[in-house]
Amino acid sequence: MRVVFAPDSFKGTITAAEAARVLADAWRDVDPEAQIVLRPMADGGEGTVAAFAAAVPDAERMPIIVTGPAGVPVDTSWLLLQASDDAPHGTAVIDLASTSGIELLDQLRPWDVDTTGFGQAVAAALDHGVSRLVLGIGSSASTDGGTGMLRALGARFLDRAGQSIAPGARGLSALASVDLSALRAAPEVLVLTDVTNPLTGPRGAAEVFGPQKGLTDAADRAAADAGLARLAELLDLDATVPGAGAAGGVGGALVAWGARLLPGAEEVARLIGLADAVAGSDVVVTGEGSYDGQSGDGKVPSFVAALAANAGARAALVAGRITTDADTGPFAVSVSLTELAASPASALAEPTRWLHEAGRRLARDLPARDLPAR
C-alpha cells in the first residue's frame, strides 16, 4: 500500500509535521510493509513554515529574533528555499503566526498588539536577497491593518501633528497621513490565506475576526472598522478586495505593497508537490484540530480529500473534534480524537497518544483488500 499523510496542524497542540509523523508511525505498527509518504500541509496559518520544511529538500531555517505582538522579543525563524528557475535567488517562507500570532500572547490585547515582528522577518528575508516571498498570514493577534508590518519595511503612519501614531488598532483612530517614500520595494510576493473577507464592513476584519482577538464590544469593533477604512483610503486600497480583511487587515496591506493573495491550501499543495505525491496512492490521511461546518470551504482536509478523489484514492480524516454540522462525506473513515479519548480535555492533554491510536485504527479499517485494484 502507498499511504500519504497530509494533515494540517492541530492548532495549539501539535504541528502538522509531528502529526504526520505520529500517524505514519502508527500505521507502520499495523502494516510494516506500507509505502509511507509524508506531506504535512498548511493553509497559510500556523505551521506553514514547518510544512515547507518537511516537504522541500534542502530547505534551510534562518533563525531570527523579532518583536512579538505585545512588544516582547520572540525567537523564531523563516525558511529559505533554494534557488530555482522562477526564483533565482531563492524563496523565503514566513509565518505570521510565529512572529505576530495570537498564540504568542499570554492575554488578549486587541488595541495595542501589532504586526511589527512579521515585518521584521520579511525585512530579514529581503536583506538576504531572496527573489520571492511566500507569506502565510493566518493566526494574527491584531487588527492593526498591517501597519506594524509596513512600518518595519519603511512606511510611516502619522497623526495630524506629523507624529507617528501608536502601534496597533489604537493608533488607527489618530491616523491622518501615510508616508511610503522609504517603503522597501517588493519582490514577487505570494500571500497564502483561507480568508476571503474584505477589509471593512459587516464581513470585514474587525467585525468578523475582532471578537476572537478581544474586540467583544460592538462599539469597539465599529471604531476599529473606521480606522481600517481610513487606512484603506490613505493607501489607495480597495477595501472590498477579497482577502483584504485577512489577519486583521494584513492581507490588504500586502495587496497595497504589490502582493498577490492566493488560496492557502491550494498554493501550499502546489509548492510542496502534493498532487504528485498523492498520484498512485491507495490512502490519503489528512486532518486538523477542529473539523466543523466551515472546514469544507478551502480548508486543508477538504482540499486534500478532493485531490485524493481525483487520484482514485480513499481519503481518511483525523481531527481533534468533529462537530455535528461537519460534512464527512468525502472521507471513507473519520476519527475524532475527542471520541477516542472520551473527553476534549484528555484529547488536548495527550494529542500524540490519541493520534497514534487514530493511526492504528485507520490502518485496521482501511486494509489493502478493500481498496480498488490498480
Protein backbone atom coordinates (compact mmCIF):
# COMPACT_ATOMS: atom_id res chain seq x y z
CA MET A 1 0.00 0.00 0.00
CA ARG A 2 1.02 3.57 -0.65
CA VAL A 3 -0.24 5.91 2.08
CA VAL A 4 0.18 9.69 2.05
CA PHE A 5 -0.12 11.65 5.28
CA ALA A 6 -1.08 15.28 4.68
CA PRO A 7 -2.62 16.78 7.84
CA ASP A 8 -2.79 20.41 8.86
CA SER A 9 -1.58 21.35 12.33
CA PHE A 10 -3.79 20.59 15.32
CA LYS A 11 -3.75 24.20 16.44
CA GLY A 12 -2.26 24.79 19.86
CA THR A 13 -1.39 21.12 20.43
CA ILE A 14 0.77 19.59 17.70
CA THR A 15 2.33 20.69 14.41
CA ALA A 16 1.36 19.30 11.04
CA ALA A 17 4.80 17.73 10.63
CA GLU A 18 4.61 16.00 14.01
CA ALA A 19 1.03 14.86 13.41
CA ALA A 20 2.04 13.33 10.08
CA ARG A 21 4.96 11.52 11.70
CA VAL A 22 2.87 10.12 14.57
CA LEU A 23 0.11 8.91 12.25
CA ALA A 24 2.65 7.32 9.92
CA ASP A 25 4.44 5.53 12.79
CA ALA A 26 1.11 4.18 13.98
CA TRP A 27 0.22 2.92 10.51
CA ARG A 28 3.58 1.12 10.29
CA ASP A 29 2.78 -0.64 13.56
CA VAL A 30 -0.14 -2.33 11.79
CA ASP A 31 1.28 -2.50 8.26
CA PRO A 32 5.11 -2.50 8.31
CA GLU A 33 5.28 -3.01 4.53
CA ALA A 34 3.34 0.12 3.63
CA GLN A 35 4.99 2.74 1.45
CA ILE A 36 4.70 5.91 3.53
CA VAL A 37 4.87 9.47 2.17
CA LEU A 38 4.80 12.48 4.50
CA ARG A 39 3.43 15.77 3.16
CA PRO A 40 2.34 17.88 6.15
CA MET A 41 0.06 20.67 4.99
CA ALA A 42 -0.99 24.19 5.90
CA ASP A 43 -3.38 26.81 4.58
CA GLY A 44 -1.30 29.87 5.42
CA GLY A 45 -1.84 29.72 9.17
CA GLU A 46 0.13 28.12 11.94
CA GLY A 47 2.59 25.53 10.63
CA THR A 48 3.13 26.91 7.13
CA VAL A 49 6.92 27.14 7.55
CA ALA A 50 7.02 23.67 9.13
CA ALA A 51 5.05 22.19 6.23
CA PHE A 52 7.53 23.53 3.70
CA ALA A 53 10.49 22.48 5.85
CA ALA A 54 9.25 18.90 5.95
CA ALA A 55 8.38 18.66 2.26
CA VAL A 56 11.10 20.61 0.43
CA PRO A 57 14.62 19.14 0.22
CA ASP A 58 17.49 21.41 1.28
CA ALA A 59 15.19 23.97 2.90
CA GLU A 60 17.15 25.95 5.50
CA ARG A 61 15.75 27.55 8.63
CA MET A 62 17.07 31.06 9.20
CA PRO A 63 16.91 31.98 12.92
CA ILE A 64 15.81 35.49 13.84
CA ILE A 65 14.67 37.45 16.89
CA VAL A 66 11.70 39.72 16.25
CA THR A 67 9.42 41.96 18.27
CA GLY A 68 6.38 39.89 19.15
CA PRO A 69 2.81 41.19 19.02
CA ALA A 70 2.95 42.52 22.58
CA GLY A 71 6.42 44.03 22.22
CA VAL A 72 8.31 41.09 23.76
CA PRO A 73 11.23 39.55 21.81
CA VAL A 74 10.38 36.28 20.08
CA ASP A 75 12.90 33.67 18.89
CA THR A 76 11.64 32.35 15.58
CA SER A 77 12.85 31.64 12.05
CA TRP A 78 11.97 31.99 8.42
CA LEU A 79 12.64 29.32 5.83
CA LEU A 80 14.95 29.66 2.84
CA LEU A 81 14.13 27.53 -0.18
CA GLN A 82 17.00 27.11 -2.59
CA ALA A 83 17.26 28.88 -5.93
CA SER A 84 15.02 27.77 -8.77
CA ASP A 85 14.32 28.90 -12.33
CA ASP A 86 11.45 31.13 -11.19
CA ALA A 87 13.26 32.36 -8.06
CA PRO A 88 16.99 32.56 -8.93
CA HIS A 89 17.97 33.95 -5.53
CA GLY A 90 15.77 31.66 -3.50
CA THR A 91 12.36 31.88 -1.85
CA ALA A 92 11.61 32.89 1.74
CA VAL A 93 8.66 31.29 3.53
CA ILE A 94 7.44 33.25 6.56
CA ASP A 95 4.64 32.57 9.05
CA LEU A 96 2.80 35.48 10.60
CA ALA A 97 1.73 33.00 13.29
CA SER A 98 5.30 32.54 14.53
CA THR A 99 6.15 36.25 14.53
CA SER A 100 2.94 38.16 15.30
CA GLY A 101 0.48 35.36 16.07
CA ILE A 102 -2.23 35.13 18.69
CA GLU A 103 -0.63 32.03 20.23
CA LEU A 104 2.30 34.24 21.31
CA LEU A 105 0.11 36.22 23.71
CA ASP A 106 -0.46 35.46 27.38
CA GLN A 107 -3.62 37.54 27.24
CA LEU A 108 -5.55 39.33 24.52
CA ARG A 109 -4.69 43.00 23.97
CA PRO A 110 -6.85 43.95 20.98
CA TRP A 111 -5.95 47.66 20.83
CA ASP A 112 -2.18 47.55 21.28
CA VAL A 113 -0.73 44.42 19.67
CA ASP A 114 0.63 44.74 16.15
CA THR A 115 2.46 43.04 13.29
CA THR A 116 5.93 44.56 13.67
CA GLY A 117 7.60 41.16 14.12
CA PHE A 118 6.14 39.85 10.89
CA GLY A 119 7.50 42.87 9.05
CA GLN A 120 10.91 42.39 10.67
CA ALA A 121 11.03 38.80 9.41
CA VAL A 122 10.07 39.98 5.91
CA ALA A 123 12.81 42.63 6.08
CA ALA A 124 15.37 39.99 7.11
CA ALA A 125 14.46 37.88 4.09
CA LEU A 126 14.77 40.92 1.82
CA ASP A 127 18.19 41.66 3.36
CA HIS A 128 19.18 38.12 2.40
CA GLY A 129 18.32 38.95 -1.19
CA VAL A 130 15.56 36.43 -1.95
CA SER A 131 13.68 36.65 -5.22
CA ARG A 132 10.31 35.61 -3.85
CA LEU A 133 8.35 35.75 -0.60
CA VAL A 134 5.73 33.17 0.36
CA LEU A 135 3.81 34.57 3.32
CA GLY A 136 1.34 32.65 5.48
CA ILE A 137 -0.83 35.17 7.30
CA GLY A 138 -3.19 33.10 9.45
CA SER A 139 -3.48 33.28 13.26
CA SER A 140 -2.91 37.01 13.64
CA ALA A 141 -3.17 38.55 17.11
CA SER A 142 -4.01 42.07 15.95
CA THR A 143 -6.34 44.29 13.94
CA ASP A 144 -3.67 46.84 13.02
CA GLY A 145 -4.30 46.73 9.27
CA GLY A 146 -0.74 45.57 8.71
CA THR A 147 0.67 48.93 9.83
CA GLY A 148 3.24 47.29 12.09
CA MET A 149 4.45 45.16 9.20
CA LEU A 150 4.67 48.12 6.80
CA ARG A 151 6.45 50.21 9.45
CA ALA A 152 9.16 47.56 9.67
CA LEU A 153 9.53 47.86 5.89
CA GLY A 154 9.96 51.64 5.96
CA ALA A 155 6.44 53.12 5.93
CA ARG A 156 5.40 55.90 8.31
CA PHE A 157 1.89 56.38 9.73
CA LEU A 158 1.34 59.88 11.10
CA ASP A 159 -1.24 61.87 13.07
CA ARG A 160 -2.30 65.44 12.31
CA ALA A 161 0.79 66.78 14.08
CA GLY A 162 3.09 64.71 11.89
CA GLN A 163 3.98 62.33 14.73
CA SER A 164 3.96 58.55 14.47
CA ILE A 165 0.68 57.04 15.62
CA ALA A 166 0.57 54.45 18.41
CA PRO A 167 1.05 50.80 17.46
CA GLY A 168 -1.92 48.55 16.88
CA ALA A 169 -5.58 49.29 16.26
CA ARG A 170 -5.42 52.09 18.81
CA GLY A 171 -3.24 54.23 16.59
CA LEU A 172 -5.56 53.98 13.58
CA SER A 173 -8.07 56.32 15.22
CA ALA A 174 -5.48 59.13 15.01
CA LEU A 175 -4.20 58.31 11.52
CA ALA A 176 -4.06 61.38 9.28
CA SER A 177 -1.39 60.63 6.68
CA VAL A 178 0.85 57.89 5.31
CA ASP A 179 4.43 58.32 4.08
CA LEU A 180 5.57 55.49 1.81
CA SER A 181 8.64 57.24 0.43
CA ALA A 182 11.03 54.90 2.26
CA LEU A 183 8.95 51.72 1.86
CA ARG A 184 11.11 48.87 0.59
CA ALA A 185 10.38 47.57 -2.89
CA ALA A 186 8.51 44.29 -3.04
CA PRO A 187 9.85 41.26 -4.92
CA GLU A 188 7.37 38.64 -6.07
CA VAL A 189 5.10 38.20 -3.03
CA LEU A 190 2.64 35.29 -2.73
CA VAL A 191 0.27 35.51 0.23
CA LEU A 192 -1.38 32.32 1.49
CA THR A 193 -4.74 32.68 3.22
CA ASP A 194 -8.01 30.80 3.54
CA VAL A 195 -9.88 34.06 4.25
CA THR A 196 -11.88 35.89 1.55
CA ASN A 197 -13.32 38.65 3.76
CA PRO A 198 -13.00 42.29 2.70
CA LEU A 199 -11.14 44.77 4.87
CA THR A 200 -14.14 46.63 6.27
CA GLY A 201 -17.89 46.37 6.74
CA PRO A 202 -20.15 43.64 8.15
CA ARG A 203 -17.83 40.90 6.82
CA GLY A 204 -14.64 42.82 7.45
CA ALA A 205 -11.62 42.20 9.65
CA ALA A 206 -12.89 43.98 12.77
CA GLU A 207 -16.46 42.74 12.70
CA VAL A 208 -15.81 39.08 11.87
CA PHE A 209 -12.43 38.37 13.43
CA GLY A 210 -12.22 41.11 16.05
CA PRO A 211 -14.11 39.18 18.75
CA GLN A 212 -11.58 36.33 18.78
CA LYS A 213 -8.85 38.94 19.31
CA GLY A 214 -10.65 40.68 22.15
CA LEU A 215 -12.89 43.22 20.37
CA THR A 216 -16.00 41.85 22.01
CA ASP A 217 -17.92 45.14 22.22
CA ALA A 218 -19.81 46.32 19.13
CA ALA A 219 -18.68 49.92 19.66
CA ASP A 220 -15.05 48.78 19.77
CA ARG A 221 -15.44 46.85 16.53
CA ALA A 222 -17.06 49.86 14.88
CA ALA A 223 -14.15 52.08 15.97
CA ALA A 224 -11.58 49.59 14.67
CA ASP A 225 -13.51 49.26 11.40
CA ALA A 226 -13.47 53.05 10.96
CA GLY A 227 -9.71 53.08 11.48
CA LEU A 228 -9.23 50.38 8.85
CA ALA A 229 -11.42 52.31 6.41
CA ARG A 230 -9.27 55.41 6.92
CA LEU A 231 -6.12 53.35 6.36
CA ALA A 232 -7.52 51.93 3.12
CA GLU A 233 -8.30 55.44 1.89
CA LEU A 234 -4.78 56.66 2.58
CA LEU A 235 -3.20 53.57 0.98
CA ASP A 236 -5.48 53.95 -2.05
CA LEU A 237 -6.65 50.40 -1.40
CA ASP A 238 -9.98 48.95 -2.48
CA ALA A 239 -11.33 47.71 0.86
CA THR A 240 -13.66 45.26 -0.91
CA VAL A 241 -10.83 43.13 -2.32
CA PRO A 242 -11.48 39.51 -1.23
CA GLY A 243 -8.91 38.59 1.41
CA ALA A 244 -8.03 42.17 2.33
CA GLY A 245 -9.51 41.51 5.77
CA ALA A 246 -7.26 38.50 6.43
CA ALA A 247 -5.04 38.70 9.52
CA GLY A 248 -6.64 41.86 10.86
CA GLY A 249 -6.07 43.71 7.60
CA VAL A 250 -2.58 42.42 6.82
CA GLY A 251 -4.00 41.00 3.60
CA GLY A 252 -4.98 44.49 2.47
CA ALA A 253 -1.63 46.00 3.46
CA LEU A 254 0.18 43.35 1.42
CA VAL A 255 -2.05 44.00 -1.60
CA ALA A 256 -1.13 47.68 -1.29
CA TRP A 257 2.54 46.59 -1.28
CA GLY A 258 2.02 44.69 -4.54
CA ALA A 259 1.39 41.14 -3.29
CA ARG A 260 -0.96 38.52 -4.72
CA LEU A 261 -3.44 36.81 -2.40
CA LEU A 262 -3.82 33.09 -3.10
CA PRO A 263 -5.94 30.26 -1.65
CA GLY A 264 -3.66 28.94 1.08
CA ALA A 265 -4.21 25.18 0.95
CA GLU A 266 -4.16 25.08 -2.84
CA GLU A 267 -0.95 27.08 -3.11
CA VAL A 268 0.88 25.18 -0.35
CA ALA A 269 -0.10 21.92 -2.05
CA ARG A 270 1.27 23.19 -5.36
CA LEU A 271 4.53 24.37 -3.88
CA ILE A 272 5.21 21.13 -1.96
CA GLY A 273 4.15 18.85 -4.83
CA LEU A 274 1.22 17.23 -3.01
CA ALA A 275 -0.66 16.20 -6.17
CA ASP A 276 2.35 14.23 -7.42
CA ALA A 277 2.68 12.56 -4.01
CA VAL A 278 -0.99 11.58 -4.00
CA ALA A 279 -0.92 10.20 -7.55
CA GLY A 280 -0.83 6.42 -7.38
CA SER A 281 -1.61 6.31 -3.66
CA ASP A 282 -4.15 4.00 -2.06
CA VAL A 283 -4.99 6.07 1.01
CA VAL A 284 -4.52 9.75 1.83
CA VAL A 285 -4.80 10.73 5.50
CA THR A 286 -5.50 14.34 6.41
CA GLY A 287 -6.80 16.20 9.43
CA GLU A 288 -6.90 19.30 11.62
CA GLY A 289 -7.72 20.33 15.16
CA SER A 290 -11.41 21.06 14.66
CA TYR A 291 -13.36 19.79 11.67
CA ASP A 292 -16.62 21.69 11.50
CA GLY A 293 -19.21 23.15 9.16
CA GLN A 294 -16.71 25.64 7.74
CA SER A 295 -13.97 23.09 7.05
CA GLY A 296 -15.33 22.36 3.60
CA ASP A 297 -14.62 25.92 2.46
CA GLY A 298 -11.00 25.90 1.35
CA LYS A 299 -9.55 24.27 4.46
CA VAL A 300 -6.83 21.65 4.25
CA PRO A 301 -8.93 18.48 4.82
CA SER A 302 -11.49 19.27 2.12
CA PHE A 303 -8.79 20.22 -0.37
CA VAL A 304 -6.76 17.06 0.32
CA ALA A 305 -9.90 14.91 0.07
CA ALA A 306 -10.60 16.35 -3.39
CA LEU A 307 -7.04 15.57 -4.51
CA ALA A 308 -7.44 12.00 -3.24
CA ALA A 309 -10.72 11.58 -5.11
CA ASN A 310 -9.12 12.83 -8.33
CA ALA A 311 -6.33 10.28 -7.86
CA GLY A 312 -8.73 7.40 -7.19
CA ALA A 313 -7.54 7.03 -3.60
CA ARG A 314 -9.52 6.82 -0.40
CA ALA A 315 -9.36 9.81 1.94
CA ALA A 316 -9.34 9.43 5.71
CA LEU A 317 -9.84 12.16 8.31
CA VAL A 318 -8.38 12.55 11.78
CA ALA A 319 -9.48 15.59 13.79
CA GLY A 320 -9.26 16.73 17.36
CA ARG A 321 -13.01 17.06 17.24
CA ILE A 322 -15.65 16.59 14.54
CA THR A 323 -18.73 18.74 15.05
CA THR A 324 -22.26 17.61 14.25
CA ASP A 325 -22.60 20.10 11.37
CA ALA A 326 -19.45 18.87 9.64
CA ASP A 327 -19.68 17.11 6.27
CA THR A 328 -17.57 13.95 6.49
CA GLY A 329 -18.96 12.58 3.21
CA PRO A 330 -15.65 12.91 1.30
CA PHE A 331 -13.91 10.56 3.75
CA ALA A 332 -14.02 6.78 3.82
CA VAL A 333 -13.20 6.85 7.55
CA SER A 334 -13.30 9.70 10.07
CA VAL A 335 -11.77 9.55 13.54
CA SER A 336 -12.27 12.10 16.32
CA LEU A 337 -9.57 12.26 18.98
CA THR A 338 -12.13 13.61 21.43
CA GLU A 339 -14.25 10.49 20.96
CA LEU A 340 -11.22 8.21 21.23
CA ALA A 341 -10.07 9.90 24.42
CA ALA A 342 -13.64 10.12 25.81
CA SER A 343 -13.27 13.85 26.55
CA PRO A 344 -11.89 17.04 24.99
CA ALA A 345 -9.61 17.58 27.99
CA SER A 346 -7.98 14.18 27.61
CA ALA A 347 -7.52 14.62 23.86
CA LEU A 348 -5.88 18.02 24.36
CA ALA A 349 -3.66 16.75 27.18
CA GLU A 350 -2.23 13.81 25.20
CA PRO A 351 -2.55 14.56 21.48
CA THR A 352 0.35 12.29 20.50
CA ARG A 353 -1.14 9.30 22.30
CA TRP A 354 -4.55 9.69 20.67
CA LEU A 355 -3.14 10.48 17.23
CA HIS A 356 -1.18 7.24 17.44
CA GLU A 357 -4.33 5.34 18.34
CA ALA A 358 -6.16 7.03 15.47
CA GLY A 359 -3.43 5.99 13.03
CA ARG A 360 -3.65 2.37 14.16
CA ARG A 361 -7.41 2.44 13.78
CA LEU A 362 -7.17 3.79 10.24
CA ALA A 363 -4.65 1.12 9.27
CA ARG A 364 -7.04 -1.56 10.54
CA ASP A 365 -10.17 -0.02 8.97
CA LEU A 366 -8.67 0.53 5.51
CA PRO A 367 -6.98 -2.79 4.69
CA ALA A 368 -5.48 -3.30 1.27
CA ARG A 369 -8.03 -5.92 0.26
CA ASP A 370 -10.84 -3.34 0.45
CA LEU A 371 -9.09 -0.86 -1.81
CA PRO A 372 -9.71 -0.58 -5.55
CA ALA A 373 -7.34 -2.64 -7.65
CA ARG A 374 -4.74 -0.66 -9.58
